[in-house]
Structure formats: C-alpha cells, structure tokens
C-alpha atoms as a PDB file:
ATOM      1  CA  MET A   1     -72.669 -58.478 213.279  1.00  0.00           C
ATOM      2  CA  ARG A   2     -70.637 -60.976 211.576  1.00  0.00           C
ATOM      3  CA  THR A   3     -70.099 -64.555 212.816  1.00  0.00           C
ATOM      4  CA  THR A   4     -67.088 -66.751 212.221  1.00  0.00           C
ATOM      5  CA  ASN A   5     -68.051 -69.156 209.287  1.00  0.00           C
ATOM      6  CA  ILE A   6     -66.244 -72.445 210.651  1.00  0.00           C
ATOM      7  CA  ASN A   7     -64.576 -75.457 208.735  1.00  0.00           C
ATOM      8  CA  MET A   8     -67.144 -78.142 209.318  1.00  0.00           C
ATOM      9  CA  ASN A   9     -65.132 -80.268 206.829  1.00  0.00           C
ATOM     10  CA  LYS A  10     -62.063 -80.863 209.250  1.00  0.00           C
ATOM     11  CA  LYS A  11     -61.936 -84.268 210.210  1.00  0.00           C
ATOM     12  CA  TYR A  12     -59.760 -86.074 212.479  1.00  0.00           C
ATOM     13  CA  THR A  13     -57.201 -88.493 211.091  1.00  0.00           C
ATOM     14  CA  SER A  14     -58.618 -92.328 211.850  1.00  0.00           C
ATOM     15  CA  GLU A  15     -54.994 -92.275 213.783  1.00  0.00           C
ATOM     16  CA  GLU A  16     -55.937 -89.893 215.743  1.00  0.00           C
ATOM     17  CA  GLU A  17     -59.373 -90.930 216.533  1.00  0.00           C
ATOM     18  CA  LEU A  18     -58.030 -94.477 217.620  1.00  0.00           C
ATOM     19  CA  LEU A  19     -55.115 -92.941 219.512  1.00  0.00           C
ATOM     20  CA  ALA A  20     -58.082 -91.356 221.219  1.00  0.00           C
ATOM     21  CA  ARG A  21     -60.018 -93.910 221.513  1.00  0.00           C
ATOM     22  CA  PHE A  22     -56.960 -95.931 223.673  1.00  0.00           C
ATOM     23  CA  ALA A  23     -56.333 -93.004 225.822  1.00  0.00           C
ATOM     24  CA  LYS A  24     -59.800 -92.403 227.445  1.00  0.00           C
ATOM     25  CA  ALA A  25     -60.013 -96.324 227.634  1.00  0.00           C
ATOM     26  CA  LEU A  26     -55.922 -95.912 229.784  1.00  0.00           C
ATOM     27  CA  GLY A  27     -57.549 -93.001 231.684  1.00  0.00           C
ATOM     28  CA  HIS A  28     -58.325 -94.438 234.741  1.00  0.00           C
ATOM     29  CA  PRO A  29     -55.946 -96.467 237.508  1.00  0.00           C
ATOM     30  CA  ALA A  30     -58.245 -99.422 237.906  1.00  0.00           C
ATOM     31  CA  ARG A  31     -58.350 -99.652 234.061  1.00  0.00           C
ATOM     32  CA  LEU A  32     -54.236 -99.438 234.069  1.00  0.00           C
ATOM     33  CA  ALA A  33     -54.279-101.841 237.353  1.00  0.00           C
ATOM     34  CA  ILE A  34     -56.508-104.471 235.146  1.00  0.00           C
ATOM     35  CA  LEU A  35     -54.131-103.998 231.878  1.00  0.00           C
ATOM     36  CA  ARG A  36     -51.102-104.405 233.759  1.00  0.00           C
ATOM     37  CA  PHE A  37     -52.346-107.691 235.580  1.00  0.00           C
ATOM     38  CA  LEU A  38     -53.673-109.032 232.415  1.00  0.00           C
ATOM     39  CA  ALA A  39     -50.209-107.910 230.679  1.00  0.00           C
ATOM     40  CA  THR A  40     -48.608-110.585 233.022  1.00  0.00           C
ATOM     41  CA  GLN A  41     -51.090-113.503 232.486  1.00  0.00           C
ATOM     42  CA  GLU A  42     -51.891-115.659 229.223  1.00  0.00           C
ATOM     43  CA  ASN A  43     -55.488-115.605 229.913  1.00  0.00           C
ATOM     44  CA  CYS A  44     -57.638-114.599 233.072  1.00  0.00           C
ATOM     45  CA  PHE A  45     -60.703-115.013 234.565  1.00  0.00           C
ATOM     46  CA  PHE A  46     -63.140-112.599 235.969  1.00  0.00           C
ATOM     47  CA  GLY A  47     -62.893-113.204 239.256  1.00  0.00           C
ATOM     48  CA  ASP A  48     -59.475-113.974 239.351  1.00  0.00           C
ATOM     49  CA  ILE A  49     -59.294-109.787 237.898  1.00  0.00           C
ATOM     50  CA  HIS A  50     -61.781-108.945 240.681  1.00  0.00           C
ATOM     51  CA  GLU A  51     -59.598-110.812 243.599  1.00  0.00           C
ATOM     52  CA  VAL A  52     -56.395-108.741 242.856  1.00  0.00           C
ATOM     53  CA  LEU A  53     -58.088-105.035 242.472  1.00  0.00           C
ATOM     54  CA  PRO A  54     -59.414-102.946 245.717  1.00  0.00           C
ATOM     55  CA  ILE A  55     -62.646-102.442 243.768  1.00  0.00           C
ATOM     56  CA  ALA A  56     -66.568-104.346 243.521  1.00  0.00           C
ATOM     57  CA  LYS A  57     -67.093-106.845 241.121  1.00  0.00           C
ATOM     58  CA  ALA A  58     -69.895-104.445 239.277  1.00  0.00           C
ATOM     59  CA  THR A  59     -67.292-102.164 238.991  1.00  0.00           C
ATOM     60  CA  VAL A  60     -64.423-104.344 237.628  1.00  0.00           C
ATOM     61  CA  SER A  61     -67.332-105.192 234.669  1.00  0.00           C
ATOM     62  CA  GLN A  62     -67.387-101.358 234.011  1.00  0.00           C
ATOM     63  CA  HIS A  63     -63.997-101.067 233.503  1.00  0.00           C
ATOM     64  CA  LEU A  64     -63.551-104.358 231.713  1.00  0.00           C
ATOM     65  CA  SER A  65     -66.338-103.075 229.363  1.00  0.00           C
ATOM     66  CA  GLU A  66     -64.331-100.168 228.597  1.00  0.00           C
ATOM     67  CA  LEU A  67     -61.228-101.875 227.701  1.00  0.00           C
ATOM     68  CA  LYS A  68     -63.273-104.042 225.713  1.00  0.00           C
ATOM     69  CA  ASN A  69     -64.842-101.493 223.868  1.00  0.00           C
ATOM     70  CA  ALA A  70     -61.374 -99.841 223.284  1.00  0.00           C
ATOM     71  CA  GLY A  71     -60.568-102.980 221.928  1.00  0.00           C
ATOM     72  CA  LEU A  72     -57.391-103.536 224.012  1.00  0.00           C
ATOM     73  CA  ILE A  73     -58.731-106.633 225.784  1.00  0.00           C
ATOM     74  CA  GLN A  74     -60.972-109.963 224.586  1.00  0.00           C
ATOM     75  CA  GLY A  75     -63.356-111.649 226.144  1.00  0.00           C
ATOM     76  CA  GLU A  76     -64.531-115.078 226.058  1.00  0.00           C
ATOM     77  CA  ILE A  77     -67.249-117.085 227.232  1.00  0.00           C
ATOM     78  CA  GLN A  78     -66.880-120.250 229.031  1.00  0.00           C
ATOM     79  CA  PRO A  79     -69.861-120.887 231.127  1.00  0.00           C
ATOM     80  CA  PRO A  80     -69.985-119.929 233.899  1.00  0.00           C
ATOM     81  CA  LYS A  81     -67.478-117.455 233.529  1.00  0.00           C
ATOM     82  CA  VAL A  82     -64.996-115.301 231.002  1.00  0.00           C
ATOM     83  CA  LYS A  83     -62.014-115.259 230.081  1.00  0.00           C
ATOM     84  CA  TYR A  84     -59.973-112.340 229.210  1.00  0.00           C
ATOM     85  CA  CYS A  85     -56.881-111.546 227.511  1.00  0.00           C
ATOM     86  CA  ILE A  86     -54.637-108.669 226.496  1.00  0.00           C
ATOM     87  CA  ASN A  87     -55.877-108.315 222.660  1.00  0.00           C
ATOM     88  CA  GLN A  88     -52.159-108.476 221.321  1.00  0.00           C
ATOM     89  CA  GLU A  89     -53.375-106.849 217.755  1.00  0.00           C
ATOM     90  CA  ASN A  90     -54.776-103.604 219.484  1.00  0.00           C
ATOM     91  CA  TRP A  91     -52.374-103.411 222.193  1.00  0.00           C
ATOM     92  CA  ASN A  92     -48.924-103.617 219.770  1.00  0.00           C
ATOM     93  CA  MET A  93     -51.086-100.703 217.543  1.00  0.00           C
ATOM     94  CA  ALA A  94     -51.685 -98.450 220.677  1.00  0.00           C
ATOM     95  CA  LYS A  95     -47.589 -98.867 221.249  1.00  0.00           C
ATOM     96  CA  SER A  96     -47.335 -97.703 218.010  1.00  0.00           C
ATOM     97  CA  LEU A  97     -49.344 -95.109 217.611  1.00  0.00           C
ATOM     98  CA  PHE A  98     -48.530 -93.186 221.697  1.00  0.00           C
ATOM     99  CA  ASN A  99     -44.683 -94.481 220.811  1.00  0.00           C
ATOM    100  CA  GLU A 100     -45.145 -91.924 217.748  1.00  0.00           C
ATOM    101  CA  PHE A 101     -47.316 -89.489 219.245  1.00  0.00           C
ATOM    102  CA  MET A 102     -45.093 -88.681 222.105  1.00  0.00           C
ATOM    103  CA  ASN A 103     -42.078 -88.432 219.805  1.00  0.00           C
ATOM    104  CA  ILE A 104     -43.481 -85.636 217.618  1.00  0.00           C
ATOM    105  CA  ASN A 105     -41.221 -83.162 219.094  1.00  0.00           C
ATOM    106  CA  LYS A 106     -37.895 -84.293 219.207  1.00  0.00           C
ATOM    107  CA  SER A 107     -36.637 -80.629 218.967  1.00  0.00           C
ATOM    108  CA  ASP A 108     -34.890 -79.064 221.609  1.00  0.00           C
ATOM    109  CA  LYS A 109     -36.581 -75.676 221.225  1.00  0.00           C
ATOM    110  CA  ASN A 110     -38.766 -74.595 223.513  1.00  0.00           C
ATOM    111  CA  CYS A 111     -41.925 -72.451 222.350  1.00  0.00           C
ATOM    112  CA  CYS A 112     -42.526 -70.685 225.555  1.00  0.00           C
ATOM    113  CA  HIS A 113     -39.524 -69.357 226.095  1.00  0.00           C
END
C-alpha cells in the first residue's frame, strides 16, 4: 500500500496567520459588539462594557481576553479598574488585511458555472 507524501514544509504567510487570528477574534457576536462599543469611545472601563452588553461579567472578561490576545484591543490597569481601548495600529492592520483579502477576486467570472 502506497501513501501520499504530504509536503510538511509548506507554511502560511505571516499575513495569512495574522488575518486568521483577527478573523477568529471577530468570530463571535459579543466580541463584535464589544469592538463596536470601544470604537465609539476614547477609552472605556470594564464596568462600562458590562453595562451595555446583555452578558455576564465573566463572559465579558473572556471575550475581552480573546480580543486582547488577538491584539485588537489593549488594556491598562488603573486600580481598582481596567481601562480598554482599540489598539489602533492593529485595528488599521486588520482593516487593511481584510480589505486586501476580500478584494482578491475582482473578475466577473464565476468558476462554478
């Protein structure tokens, strides 16, 4: 029996990996709502976010952690509170990467027909 040898040396580009990280972070409606809210604020404390979203504090914390790990937001501890805001550099990078990706197929041809 012969097996197909898969080329394990193929790697994703750094842009593909970054885009996937951003996409994963955007993959939940609560995280989209948090980002939408933060995008309208200069900065925001955790309690402010919790008050505008219909989810528990622990759930908000988990979503903030995902967004922070993806680099889309940043937090600063100002005891006893934590202040969050959009990470503008990564936000702009995400917009650029998504725009570039979504404009790959500029032809009118449909390969399925």
